[in-house]
């Protein structure tokens, strides 16, 4: 039995390495495409695009800065975070800042989608580019000081008695770890996104029926609204296993597990880590599947790059001749 559970862990590490690197590359490409597409006119005139571009930037940076070290640490078993205390503080504070920021920006997107079909002139007035910029800047600053700074102060490379004194990057405060396991991840990455998607779907459907006028929302806005609901639901599904396994490990921290039990927990944890980062890699591909307008713009940009590369290669060949 011990041998079979060890094989499970090794298999999960291989999945994390190869699957994780694939997720990272596809995610960075997708995030870059989202940033470029929503930066083009007329999409950049929509307040919604500001939130999407910022999420794209955060995801594009998050994958190599935080996910790649996790692949190295849990996949190759080379603990980068334990090499330097400053790097540990930066990594963990950056992760908390990014995860929280993306959730808050998704809340802003929910309200933005609600405001464009609201019958209230006051609520519709909130759908402005200027307000979106203020909200993004203010939210990022508040999130950094409310969530990022405490992590900088409390996290460090802490020696672990159960690991023969080996230092790992963790919080010196057990209360913070319990808060993260019991509330932060289960709520922010599990329950709240699902509730947000359900509420948003309900209120949008209700308002559209009440207004009885599909032209109130432009075609692309309707597609983006539908796409956003798929995106939030997908994010919740991807993050729920990670939140669950973290909660279990925190609640059973004092329990002595057998080697077989620990291997099974590690197997599930490694798979959950890999699945967790899928949500930061799939936005572009969800847009491509669910929105014909977005798909058309993406194909236009990709074809432009293809023709430009061919033109440049021909210029180089002619110059060499």
C-alpha atoms as a PDB file:
ATOM      1  CA  UNK A   1       0.000   0.000   0.000  1.00  0.00           C
ATOM      2  CA  UNK A   2       2.860   2.378   0.822  1.00  0.00           C
ATOM      3  CA  UNK A   3       4.418   1.837  -2.596  1.00  0.00           C
ATOM      4  CA  UNK A   4       1.122   2.568  -4.369  1.00  0.00           C
ATOM      5  CA  UNK A   5       0.587   5.824  -2.466  1.00  0.00           C
ATOM      6  CA  UNK A   6       4.163   6.895  -3.226  1.00  0.00           C
ATOM      7  CA  UNK A   7       3.417   6.300  -6.909  1.00  0.00           C
ATOM      8  CA  UNK A   8       0.344   8.526  -6.550  1.00  0.00           C
ATOM      9  CA  UNK A   9       2.492  11.372  -5.205  1.00  0.00           C
ATOM     10  CA  UNK A  10       5.099  10.952  -7.962  1.00  0.00           C
ATOM     11  CA  UNK A  11       2.336  10.924 -10.580  1.00  0.00           C
ATOM     12  CA  UNK A  12       0.841  14.097  -9.117  1.00  0.00           C
ATOM     13  CA  UNK A  13       4.269  15.774  -9.224  1.00  0.00           C
ATOM     14  CA  UNK A  14       4.637  14.907 -12.914  1.00  0.00           C
ATOM     15  CA  UNK A  15       1.139  16.258 -13.600  1.00  0.00           C
ATOM     16  CA  UNK A  16       2.036  19.462 -11.760  1.00  0.00           C
ATOM     17  CA  UNK A  17       5.306  19.855 -13.695  1.00  0.00           C
ATOM     18  CA  UNK A  18       4.073  19.177 -17.218  1.00  0.00           C
ATOM     19  CA  UNK A  19       0.495  20.308 -16.724  1.00  0.00           C
ATOM     20  CA  UNK A  20       1.623  23.357 -14.763  1.00  0.00           C
ATOM     21  CA  UNK A  21       4.110  24.484 -17.399  1.00  0.00           C
ATOM     22  CA  UNK A  22       1.437  24.059 -20.078  1.00  0.00           C
ATOM     23  CA  UNK A  23      -1.038  26.087 -18.008  1.00  0.00           C
ATOM     24  CA  UNK A  24       1.614  28.759 -17.441  1.00  0.00           C
ATOM     25  CA  UNK A  25       2.475  29.175 -21.137  1.00  0.00           C
ATOM     26  CA  UNK A  26      -1.133  29.075 -22.349  1.00  0.00           C
ATOM     27  CA  UNK A  27      -2.168  31.425 -19.552  1.00  0.00           C
ATOM     28  CA  UNK A  28       0.505  34.018 -20.291  1.00  0.00           C
ATOM     29  CA  UNK A  29      -0.367  33.971 -23.997  1.00  0.00           C
ATOM     30  CA  UNK A  30      -4.088  34.222 -23.210  1.00  0.00           C
ATOM     31  CA  UNK A  31      -3.637  37.068 -20.716  1.00  0.00           C
ATOM     32  CA  UNK A  32      -1.514  38.993 -23.216  1.00  0.00           C
ATOM     33  CA  UNK A  33      -4.185  38.543 -25.894  1.00  0.00           C
ATOM     34  CA  UNK A  34      -6.917  39.748 -23.519  1.00  0.00           C
ATOM     35  CA  UNK A  35      -4.883  42.865 -22.678  1.00  0.00           C
ATOM     36  CA  UNK A  36      -4.279  43.638 -26.361  1.00  0.00           C
ATOM     37  CA  UNK A  37      -7.850  42.973 -27.551  1.00  0.00           C
ATOM     38  CA  UNK A  38      -9.493  45.065 -24.832  1.00  0.00           C
ATOM     39  CA  UNK A  39      -7.004  47.867 -25.468  1.00  0.00           C
ATOM     40  CA  UNK A  40      -8.318  48.354 -29.026  1.00  0.00           C
ATOM     41  CA  UNK A  41     -11.077  50.764 -29.995  1.00  0.00           C
ATOM     42  CA  UNK A  42     -14.044  50.535 -29.438  1.00  0.00           C
ATOM     43  CA  UNK A  43     -13.609  48.025 -26.592  1.00  0.00           C
ATOM     44  CA  UNK A  44     -11.286  50.382 -24.717  1.00  0.00           C
ATOM     45  CA  UNK A  45     -14.156  52.897 -24.551  1.00  0.00           C
ATOM     46  CA  UNK A  46     -16.163  50.511 -22.374  1.00  0.00           C
ATOM     47  CA  UNK A  47     -15.589  50.894 -18.585  1.00  0.00           C
ATOM     48  CA  UNK A  48     -15.751  47.101 -18.361  1.00  0.00           C
ATOM     49  CA  UNK A  49     -12.503  46.883 -20.364  1.00  0.00           C
ATOM     50  CA  UNK A  50     -10.506  48.614 -17.613  1.00  0.00           C
ATOM     51  CA  UNK A  51     -11.289  45.846 -15.135  1.00  0.00           C
ATOM     52  CA  UNK A  52     -10.570  43.158 -17.740  1.00  0.00           C
ATOM     53  CA  UNK A  53      -7.196  44.670 -18.692  1.00  0.00           C
ATOM     54  CA  UNK A  54      -6.100  44.979 -15.063  1.00  0.00           C
ATOM     55  CA  UNK A  55      -7.111  41.360 -14.384  1.00  0.00           C
ATOM     56  CA  UNK A  56      -5.175  40.368 -17.509  1.00  0.00           C
ATOM     57  CA  UNK A  57      -2.059  42.182 -16.285  1.00  0.00           C
ATOM     58  CA  UNK A  58      -2.338  40.653 -12.804  1.00  0.00           C
ATOM     59  CA  UNK A  59      -2.784  37.143 -14.232  1.00  0.00           C
ATOM     60  CA  UNK A  60       0.057  37.589 -16.745  1.00  0.00           C
ATOM     61  CA  UNK A  61       2.477  38.511 -13.939  1.00  0.00           C
ATOM     62  CA  UNK A  62       1.060  36.093 -11.365  1.00  0.00           C
ATOM     63  CA  UNK A  63       1.766  32.955 -13.401  1.00  0.00           C
ATOM     64  CA  UNK A  64       5.570  33.319 -13.790  1.00  0.00           C
ATOM     65  CA  UNK A  65       6.167  35.183 -10.519  1.00  0.00           C
ATOM     66  CA  UNK A  66       4.174  32.890  -8.227  1.00  0.00           C
ATOM     67  CA  UNK A  67       3.003  29.757 -10.065  1.00  0.00           C
ATOM     68  CA  UNK A  68       6.416  28.913 -11.563  1.00  0.00           C
ATOM     69  CA  UNK A  69       8.151  28.845  -8.127  1.00  0.00           C
ATOM     70  CA  UNK A  70       5.296  26.615  -6.923  1.00  0.00           C
ATOM     71  CA  UNK A  71       5.951  24.208  -9.800  1.00  0.00           C
ATOM     72  CA  UNK A  72       9.628  24.131  -8.856  1.00  0.00           C
ATOM     73  CA  UNK A  73       8.874  23.730  -5.131  1.00  0.00           C
ATOM     74  CA  UNK A  74       6.128  21.090  -5.262  1.00  0.00           C
ATOM     75  CA  UNK A  75       6.954  19.454  -8.585  1.00  0.00           C
ATOM     76  CA  UNK A  76      10.758  19.335  -8.621  1.00  0.00           C
ATOM     77  CA  UNK A  77      10.957  19.491  -4.788  1.00  0.00           C
ATOM     78  CA  UNK A  78      13.378  22.427  -4.894  1.00  0.00           C
ATOM     79  CA  UNK A  79      12.157  24.883  -2.274  1.00  0.00           C
ATOM     80  CA  UNK A  80      12.894  28.299  -3.773  1.00  0.00           C
ATOM     81  CA  UNK A  81      10.961  30.099  -1.055  1.00  0.00           C
ATOM     82  CA  UNK A  82      13.253  28.740   1.680  1.00  0.00           C
ATOM     83  CA  UNK A  83      16.370  30.142   0.013  1.00  0.00           C
ATOM     84  CA  UNK A  84      15.747  33.737   1.030  1.00  0.00           C
ATOM     85  CA  UNK A  85      13.501  35.391   3.622  1.00  0.00           C
ATOM     86  CA  UNK A  86      12.919  38.478   1.464  1.00  0.00           C
ATOM     87  CA  UNK A  87      11.841  36.335  -1.479  1.00  0.00           C
ATOM     88  CA  UNK A  88       9.455  34.443   0.816  1.00  0.00           C
ATOM     89  CA  UNK A  89       7.821  37.690   1.988  1.00  0.00           C
ATOM     90  CA  UNK A  90       7.555  39.030  -1.559  1.00  0.00           C
ATOM     91  CA  UNK A  91       6.065  35.833  -2.966  1.00  0.00           C
ATOM     92  CA  UNK A  92       3.402  35.384  -0.317  1.00  0.00           C
ATOM     93  CA  UNK A  93       2.378  39.046  -0.123  1.00  0.00           C
ATOM     94  CA  UNK A  94       2.208  39.251  -3.920  1.00  0.00           C
ATOM     95  CA  UNK A  95       0.043  36.112  -4.063  1.00  0.00           C
ATOM     96  CA  UNK A  96      -2.430  37.402  -1.475  1.00  0.00           C
ATOM     97  CA  UNK A  97      -2.521  40.820  -3.164  1.00  0.00           C
ATOM     98  CA  UNK A  98      -3.200  39.334  -6.615  1.00  0.00           C
ATOM     99  CA  UNK A  99      -5.801  36.763  -5.537  1.00  0.00           C
ATOM    100  CA  UNK A 100      -7.721  39.353  -3.496  1.00  0.00           C
ATOM    101  CA  UNK A 101      -7.455  42.025  -6.199  1.00  0.00           C
ATOM    102  CA  UNK A 102      -8.858  39.752  -8.904  1.00  0.00           C
ATOM    103  CA  UNK A 103     -11.806  38.814  -6.691  1.00  0.00           C
ATOM    104  CA  UNK A 104     -12.596  42.478  -5.927  1.00  0.00           C
ATOM    105  CA  UNK A 105     -12.275  43.387  -9.613  1.00  0.00           C
ATOM    106  CA  UNK A 106     -14.735  40.598 -10.422  1.00  0.00           C
ATOM    107  CA  UNK A 107     -17.142  42.221  -7.958  1.00  0.00           C
ATOM    108  CA  UNK A 108     -16.703  45.528  -9.808  1.00  0.00           C
ATOM    109  CA  UNK A 109     -17.415  43.733 -13.089  1.00  0.00           C
ATOM    110  CA  UNK A 110     -20.612  42.306 -11.587  1.00  0.00           C
ATOM    111  CA  UNK A 111     -21.839  45.754 -10.654  1.00  0.00           C
ATOM    112  CA  UNK A 112     -20.800  47.119 -14.057  1.00  0.00           C
ATOM    113  CA  UNK A 113     -22.838  44.428 -15.840  1.00  0.00           C
ATOM    114  CA  UNK A 114     -25.774  45.196 -13.554  1.00  0.00           C
ATOM    115  CA  UNK A 115     -25.537  48.958 -14.117  1.00  0.00           C
ATOM    116  CA  UNK A 116     -25.814  48.816 -17.933  1.00  0.00           C
ATOM    117  CA  UNK A 117     -29.296  47.283 -17.778  1.00  0.00           C
ATOM    118  CA  UNK A 118     -30.587  48.989 -14.645  1.00  0.00           C
ATOM    119  CA  UNK A 119     -33.720  51.098 -14.962  1.00  0.00           C
ATOM    120  CA  UNK A 120     -32.281  53.575 -12.448  1.00  0.00           C
ATOM    121  CA  UNK A 121     -30.474  56.592 -13.995  1.00  0.00           C
ATOM    122  CA  UNK A 122     -28.383  56.920 -10.817  1.00  0.00           C
ATOM    123  CA  UNK A 123     -27.103  53.348 -11.102  1.00  0.00           C
ATOM    124  CA  UNK A 124     -26.472  53.695 -14.855  1.00  0.00           C
ATOM    125  CA  UNK A 125     -24.375  56.797 -14.146  1.00  0.00           C
ATOM    126  CA  UNK A 126     -21.847  54.579 -12.328  1.00  0.00           C
ATOM    127  CA  UNK A 127     -20.992  52.958 -15.665  1.00  0.00           C
ATOM    128  CA  UNK A 128     -18.176  55.380 -16.534  1.00  0.00           C
ATOM    129  CA  UNK A 129     -14.509  55.054 -17.457  1.00  0.00           C
ATOM    130  CA  UNK A 130     -13.464  57.724 -14.966  1.00  0.00           C
ATOM    131  CA  UNK A 131     -15.154  55.959 -12.049  1.00  0.00           C
ATOM    132  CA  UNK A 132     -13.691  52.615 -13.132  1.00  0.00           C
ATOM    133  CA  UNK A 133     -10.175  54.042 -13.028  1.00  0.00           C
ATOM    134  CA  UNK A 134     -10.721  55.521  -9.569  1.00  0.00           C
ATOM    135  CA  UNK A 135     -12.180  52.247  -8.281  1.00  0.00           C
ATOM    136  CA  UNK A 136      -9.273  50.192  -9.632  1.00  0.00           C
ATOM    137  CA  UNK A 137      -6.577  52.488  -8.230  1.00  0.00           C
ATOM    138  CA  UNK A 138      -8.300  52.844  -4.857  1.00  0.00           C
ATOM    139  CA  UNK A 139      -9.000  49.120  -4.536  1.00  0.00           C
ATOM    140  CA  UNK A 140      -5.434  48.077  -5.371  1.00  0.00           C
ATOM    141  CA  UNK A 141      -3.982  50.496  -2.810  1.00  0.00           C
ATOM    142  CA  UNK A 142      -6.404  49.412  -0.064  1.00  0.00           C
ATOM    143  CA  UNK A 143      -5.874  45.701  -0.794  1.00  0.00           C
ATOM    144  CA  UNK A 144      -2.103  46.071  -0.593  1.00  0.00           C
ATOM    145  CA  UNK A 145      -2.201  47.777   2.803  1.00  0.00           C
ATOM    146  CA  UNK A 146      -5.035  45.615   4.204  1.00  0.00           C
ATOM    147  CA  UNK A 147      -3.813  42.224   2.958  1.00  0.00           C
ATOM    148  CA  UNK A 148      -0.336  42.505   1.460  1.00  0.00           C
ATOM    149  CA  UNK A 149       1.432  44.384   4.253  1.00  0.00           C
ATOM    150  CA  UNK A 150       0.357  42.030   7.100  1.00  0.00           C
ATOM    151  CA  UNK A 151       1.751  39.117   5.076  1.00  0.00           C
ATOM    152  CA  UNK A 152       5.053  40.972   4.580  1.00  0.00           C
ATOM    153  CA  UNK A 153       5.283  41.471   8.341  1.00  0.00           C
ATOM    154  CA  UNK A 154       4.196  37.998   9.500  1.00  0.00           C
ATOM    155  CA  UNK A 155       5.613  35.647   6.850  1.00  0.00           C
ATOM    156  CA  UNK A 156       9.188  34.359   6.938  1.00  0.00           C
ATOM    157  CA  UNK A 157      11.237  31.177   6.639  1.00  0.00           C
ATOM    158  CA  UNK A 158      10.273  29.398   9.869  1.00  0.00           C
ATOM    159  CA  UNK A 159      12.069  26.189  11.061  1.00  0.00           C
ATOM    160  CA  UNK A 160       9.667  23.256  11.485  1.00  0.00           C
ATOM    161  CA  UNK A 161      10.134  20.749  14.316  1.00  0.00           C
ATOM    162  CA  UNK A 162       8.324  17.975  12.436  1.00  0.00           C
ATOM    163  CA  UNK A 163      10.728  18.468   9.490  1.00  0.00           C
ATOM    164  CA  UNK A 164      13.913  18.199  11.573  1.00  0.00           C
ATOM    165  CA  UNK A 165      14.349  21.951  11.718  1.00  0.00           C
ATOM    166  CA  UNK A 166      13.947  22.518   7.958  1.00  0.00           C
ATOM    167  CA  UNK A 167      12.728  26.060   7.303  1.00  0.00           C
ATOM    168  CA  UNK A 168       9.655  26.665   5.156  1.00  0.00           C
ATOM    169  CA  UNK A 169       8.009  29.893   4.052  1.00  0.00           C
ATOM    170  CA  UNK A 170       5.035  30.303   6.366  1.00  0.00           C
ATOM    171  CA  UNK A 171       3.437  32.659   8.847  1.00  0.00           C
ATOM    172  CA  UNK A 172       4.878  33.101  12.325  1.00  0.00           C
ATOM    173  CA  UNK A 173       1.280  33.632  13.452  1.00  0.00           C
ATOM    174  CA  UNK A 174      -0.839  30.506  13.626  1.00  0.00           C
ATOM    175  CA  UNK A 175      -3.936  32.688  13.878  1.00  0.00           C
ATOM    176  CA  UNK A 176      -3.228  34.074  10.400  1.00  0.00           C
ATOM    177  CA  UNK A 177      -2.863  30.552   8.972  1.00  0.00           C
ATOM    178  CA  UNK A 178      -6.159  29.493  10.557  1.00  0.00           C
ATOM    179  CA  UNK A 179      -7.879  32.633   9.253  1.00  0.00           C
ATOM    180  CA  UNK A 180      -6.594  31.890   5.741  1.00  0.00           C
ATOM    181  CA  UNK A 181      -7.676  28.241   5.891  1.00  0.00           C
ATOM    182  CA  UNK A 182     -11.049  28.748   7.606  1.00  0.00           C
ATOM    183  CA  UNK A 183     -12.223  31.981   5.984  1.00  0.00           C
ATOM    184  CA  UNK A 184      -9.962  33.471   3.312  1.00  0.00           C
ATOM    185  CA  UNK A 185      -9.666  30.581   0.842  1.00  0.00           C
ATOM    186  CA  UNK A 186     -13.057  28.880   1.466  1.00  0.00           C
ATOM    187  CA  UNK A 187     -14.932  32.181   1.143  1.00  0.00           C
ATOM    188  CA  UNK A 188     -12.874  34.183  -1.348  1.00  0.00           C
ATOM    189  CA  UNK A 189     -12.030  31.259  -3.610  1.00  0.00           C
ATOM    190  CA  UNK A 190     -14.986  28.977  -3.015  1.00  0.00           C
ATOM    191  CA  UNK A 191     -18.342  30.161  -1.716  1.00  0.00           C
ATOM    192  CA  UNK A 192     -18.396  33.862  -2.631  1.00  0.00           C
ATOM    193  CA  UNK A 193     -17.612  33.499  -6.370  1.00  0.00           C
ATOM    194  CA  UNK A 194     -20.420  30.940  -6.709  1.00  0.00           C
ATOM    195  CA  UNK A 195     -22.878  33.176  -4.835  1.00  0.00           C
ATOM    196  CA  UNK A 196     -21.695  36.131  -6.905  1.00  0.00           C
ATOM    197  CA  UNK A 197     -22.327  34.281 -10.163  1.00  0.00           C
ATOM    198  CA  UNK A 198     -25.775  33.056  -9.045  1.00  0.00           C
ATOM    199  CA  UNK A 199     -26.862  36.493  -7.843  1.00  0.00           C
ATOM    200  CA  UNK A 200     -25.506  38.186 -10.934  1.00  0.00           C
ATOM    201  CA  UNK A 201     -27.284  35.714 -13.252  1.00  0.00           C
ATOM    202  CA  UNK A 202     -30.557  36.151 -11.343  1.00  0.00           C
ATOM    203  CA  UNK A 203     -30.575  39.951 -11.220  1.00  0.00           C
ATOM    204  CA  UNK A 204     -29.529  40.288 -14.866  1.00  0.00           C
ATOM    205  CA  UNK A 205     -32.222  37.871 -16.040  1.00  0.00           C
ATOM    206  CA  UNK A 206     -34.823  39.616 -13.904  1.00  0.00           C
ATOM    207  CA  UNK A 207     -33.971  43.090 -15.196  1.00  0.00           C
ATOM    208  CA  UNK A 208     -33.854  42.028 -18.833  1.00  0.00           C
ATOM    209  CA  UNK A 209     -37.310  40.468 -18.489  1.00  0.00           C
ATOM    210  CA  UNK A 210     -38.671  43.549 -16.760  1.00  0.00           C
ATOM    211  CA  UNK A 211     -37.304  45.924 -19.368  1.00  0.00           C
ATOM    212  CA  UNK A 212     -38.494  43.576 -22.137  1.00  0.00           C
ATOM    213  CA  UNK A 213     -36.032  45.178 -24.536  1.00  0.00           C
ATOM    214  CA  UNK A 214     -32.971  43.243 -25.636  1.00  0.00           C
ATOM    215  CA  UNK A 215     -31.629  46.305 -27.474  1.00  0.00           C
ATOM    216  CA  UNK A 216     -30.953  47.968 -24.143  1.00  0.00           C
ATOM    217  CA  UNK A 217     -27.777  45.899 -24.068  1.00  0.00           C
ATOM    218  CA  UNK A 218     -25.498  45.906 -27.082  1.00  0.00           C
ATOM    219  CA  UNK A 219     -24.701  42.577 -28.678  1.00  0.00           C
ATOM    220  CA  UNK A 220     -21.147  42.474 -27.390  1.00  0.00           C
ATOM    221  CA  UNK A 221     -22.264  43.466 -23.887  1.00  0.00           C
ATOM    222  CA  UNK A 222     -24.718  40.557 -23.880  1.00  0.00           C
ATOM    223  CA  UNK A 223     -21.992  38.157 -24.957  1.00  0.00           C
ATOM    224  CA  UNK A 224     -19.549  39.466 -22.354  1.00  0.00           C
ATOM    225  CA  UNK A 225     -22.213  39.198 -19.649  1.00  0.00           C
ATOM    226  CA  UNK A 226     -22.806  35.546 -20.526  1.00  0.00           C
ATOM    227  CA  UNK A 227     -19.064  34.918 -20.779  1.00  0.00           C
ATOM    228  CA  UNK A 228     -18.448  36.484 -17.398  1.00  0.00           C
ATOM    229  CA  UNK A 229     -20.910  34.127 -15.710  1.00  0.00           C
ATOM    230  CA  UNK A 230     -19.119  31.106 -17.207  1.00  0.00           C
ATOM    231  CA  UNK A 231     -15.814  32.583 -16.099  1.00  0.00           C
ATOM    232  CA  UNK A 232     -16.855  33.108 -12.474  1.00  0.00           C
ATOM    233  CA  UNK A 233     -18.377  29.626 -12.267  1.00  0.00           C
ATOM    234  CA  UNK A 234     -15.200  28.119 -13.730  1.00  0.00           C
ATOM    235  CA  UNK A 235     -13.039  30.033 -11.267  1.00  0.00           C
ATOM    236  CA  UNK A 236     -15.078  28.749  -8.333  1.00  0.00           C
ATOM    237  CA  UNK A 237     -14.842  25.140  -9.546  1.00  0.00           C
ATOM    238  CA  UNK A 238     -11.075  25.439 -10.067  1.00  0.00           C
ATOM    239  CA  UNK A 239     -10.398  26.946  -6.647  1.00  0.00           C
ATOM    240  CA  UNK A 240     -12.796  24.898  -4.494  1.00  0.00           C
ATOM    241  CA  UNK A 241     -10.562  21.767  -4.208  1.00  0.00           C
ATOM    242  CA  UNK A 242      -7.590  23.931  -3.191  1.00  0.00           C
ATOM    243  CA  UNK A 243      -9.641  25.693  -0.513  1.00  0.00           C
ATOM    244  CA  UNK A 244     -11.000  22.343   0.717  1.00  0.00           C
ATOM    245  CA  UNK A 245      -7.626  20.620   1.041  1.00  0.00           C
ATOM    246  CA  UNK A 246      -6.137  23.663   2.813  1.00  0.00           C
ATOM    247  CA  UNK A 247      -9.052  23.672   5.238  1.00  0.00           C
ATOM    248  CA  UNK A 248      -8.611  19.957   5.934  1.00  0.00           C
ATOM    249  CA  UNK A 249      -4.861  20.276   6.524  1.00  0.00           C
ATOM    250  CA  UNK A 250      -5.382  23.180   8.921  1.00  0.00           C
ATOM    251  CA  UNK A 251      -8.109  21.425  10.900  1.00  0.00           C
ATOM    252  CA  UNK A 252      -6.001  18.263  11.216  1.00  0.00           C
ATOM    253  CA  UNK A 253      -2.710  20.051  11.858  1.00  0.00           C
ATOM    254  CA  UNK A 254      -2.281  18.413  15.274  1.00  0.00           C
ATOM    255  CA  UNK A 255      -3.308  14.963  14.059  1.00  0.00           C
ATOM    256  CA  UNK A 256      -0.539  12.462  13.414  1.00  0.00           C
ATOM    257  CA  UNK A 257      -1.128  10.914   9.980  1.00  0.00           C
ATOM    258  CA  UNK A 258       0.403   7.669   8.795  1.00  0.00           C
ATOM    259  CA  UNK A 259       2.758   7.766   5.812  1.00  0.00           C
ATOM    260  CA  UNK A 260       0.041   6.361   3.564  1.00  0.00           C
ATOM    261  CA  UNK A 261      -2.455   8.983   4.716  1.00  0.00           C
ATOM    262  CA  UNK A 262       0.096  11.760   4.252  1.00  0.00           C
ATOM    263  CA  UNK A 263       0.853  10.546   0.723  1.00  0.00           C
ATOM    264  CA  UNK A 264      -2.841  10.602  -0.163  1.00  0.00           C
ATOM    265  CA  UNK A 265      -3.171  14.141   1.241  1.00  0.00           C
ATOM    266  CA  UNK A 266      -0.098  15.246  -0.734  1.00  0.00           C
ATOM    267  CA  UNK A 267      -1.491  13.637  -3.893  1.00  0.00           C
ATOM    268  CA  UNK A 268      -4.774  15.538  -3.562  1.00  0.00           C
ATOM    269  CA  UNK A 269      -2.967  18.744  -2.624  1.00  0.00           C
ATOM    270  CA  UNK A 270      -0.685  18.644  -5.680  1.00  0.00           C
ATOM    271  CA  UNK A 271      -3.635  18.076  -8.006  1.00  0.00           C
ATOM    272  CA  UNK A 272      -5.551  20.891  -6.284  1.00  0.00           C
ATOM    273  CA  UNK A 273      -2.587  23.261  -6.726  1.00  0.00           C
ATOM    274  CA  UNK A 274      -2.444  22.486 -10.438  1.00  0.00           C
ATOM    275  CA  UNK A 275      -6.204  22.976 -10.843  1.00  0.00           C
ATOM    276  CA  UNK A 276      -6.181  26.175  -8.768  1.00  0.00           C
ATOM    277  CA  UNK A 277      -4.017  28.056 -11.273  1.00  0.00           C
ATOM    278  CA  UNK A 278      -6.216  27.083 -14.211  1.00  0.00           C
ATOM    279  CA  UNK A 279      -8.501  29.995 -13.308  1.00  0.00           C
ATOM    280  CA  UNK A 280      -5.684  32.460 -14.063  1.00  0.00           C
ATOM    281  CA  UNK A 281      -5.105  30.919 -17.501  1.00  0.00           C
ATOM    282  CA  UNK A 282      -8.511  30.363 -19.085  1.00  0.00           C
ATOM    283  CA  UNK A 283     -10.130  33.809 -19.482  1.00  0.00           C
ATOM    284  CA  UNK A 284      -9.004  34.227 -23.098  1.00  0.00           C
ATOM    285  CA  UNK A 285     -10.161  30.743 -24.078  1.00  0.00           C
ATOM    286  CA  UNK A 286     -13.558  31.165 -22.392  1.00  0.00           C
ATOM    287  CA  UNK A 287     -14.017  34.432 -24.310  1.00  0.00           C
ATOM    288  CA  UNK A 288     -13.044  32.661 -27.550  1.00  0.00           C
ATOM    289  CA  UNK A 289     -15.612  29.903 -27.008  1.00  0.00           C
ATOM    290  CA  UNK A 290     -18.546  32.015 -25.802  1.00  0.00           C
ATOM    291  CA  UNK A 291     -18.197  35.319 -27.696  1.00  0.00           C
ATOM    292  CA  UNK A 292     -18.216  35.527 -31.495  1.00  0.00           C
ATOM    293  CA  UNK A 293     -17.288  39.226 -31.354  1.00  0.00           C
ATOM    294  CA  UNK A 294     -14.234  38.524 -29.230  1.00  0.00           C
ATOM    295  CA  UNK A 295     -13.309  35.570 -31.444  1.00  0.00           C
ATOM    296  CA  UNK A 296     -13.463  37.765 -34.548  1.00  0.00           C
ATOM    297  CA  UNK A 297     -11.211  40.411 -32.992  1.00  0.00           C
ATOM    298  CA  UNK A 298      -8.728  37.803 -31.771  1.00  0.00           C
ATOM    299  CA  UNK A 299      -8.513  36.225 -35.243  1.00  0.00           C
ATOM    300  CA  UNK A 300      -7.984  39.679 -36.752  1.00  0.00           C
ATOM    301  CA  UNK A 301      -5.056  40.398 -34.416  1.00  0.00           C
ATOM    302  CA  UNK A 302      -3.492  36.958 -34.908  1.00  0.00           C
ATOM    303  CA  UNK A 303      -3.798  37.236 -38.699  1.00  0.00           C
ATOM    304  CA  UNK A 304      -2.197  40.686 -38.573  1.00  0.00           C
ATOM    305  CA  UNK A 305       0.767  39.283 -36.649  1.00  0.00           C
ATOM    306  CA  UNK A 306       1.039  36.421 -39.154  1.00  0.00           C
ATOM    307  CA  UNK A 307       1.044  38.755 -42.181  1.00  0.00           C
ATOM    308  CA  UNK A 308       3.490  41.131 -40.488  1.00  0.00           C
ATOM    309  CA  UNK A 309       5.891  38.275 -39.730  1.00  0.00           C
ATOM    310  CA  UNK A 310       5.703  37.059 -43.343  1.00  0.00           C
ATOM    311  CA  UNK A 311       6.317  40.593 -44.590  1.00  0.00           C
ATOM    312  CA  UNK A 312       9.301  41.004 -42.263  1.00  0.00           C
ATOM    313  CA  UNK A 313      10.773  37.637 -43.267  1.00  0.00           C
ATOM    314  CA  UNK A 314      10.457  38.564 -46.948  1.00  0.00           C
ATOM    315  CA  UNK A 315      12.240  41.853 -46.281  1.00  0.00           C
ATOM    316  CA  UNK A 316      15.083  39.989 -44.558  1.00  0.00           C
ATOM    317  CA  UNK A 317      15.409  37.502 -47.445  1.00  0.00           C
ATOM    318  CA  UNK A 318      15.450  40.313 -50.016  1.00  0.00           C
ATOM    319  CA  UNK A 319      18.090  42.186 -48.033  1.00  0.00           C
ATOM    320  CA  UNK A 320      20.282  39.075 -47.896  1.00  0.00           C
ATOM    321  CA  UNK A 321      19.941  38.558 -51.659  1.00  0.00           C
END
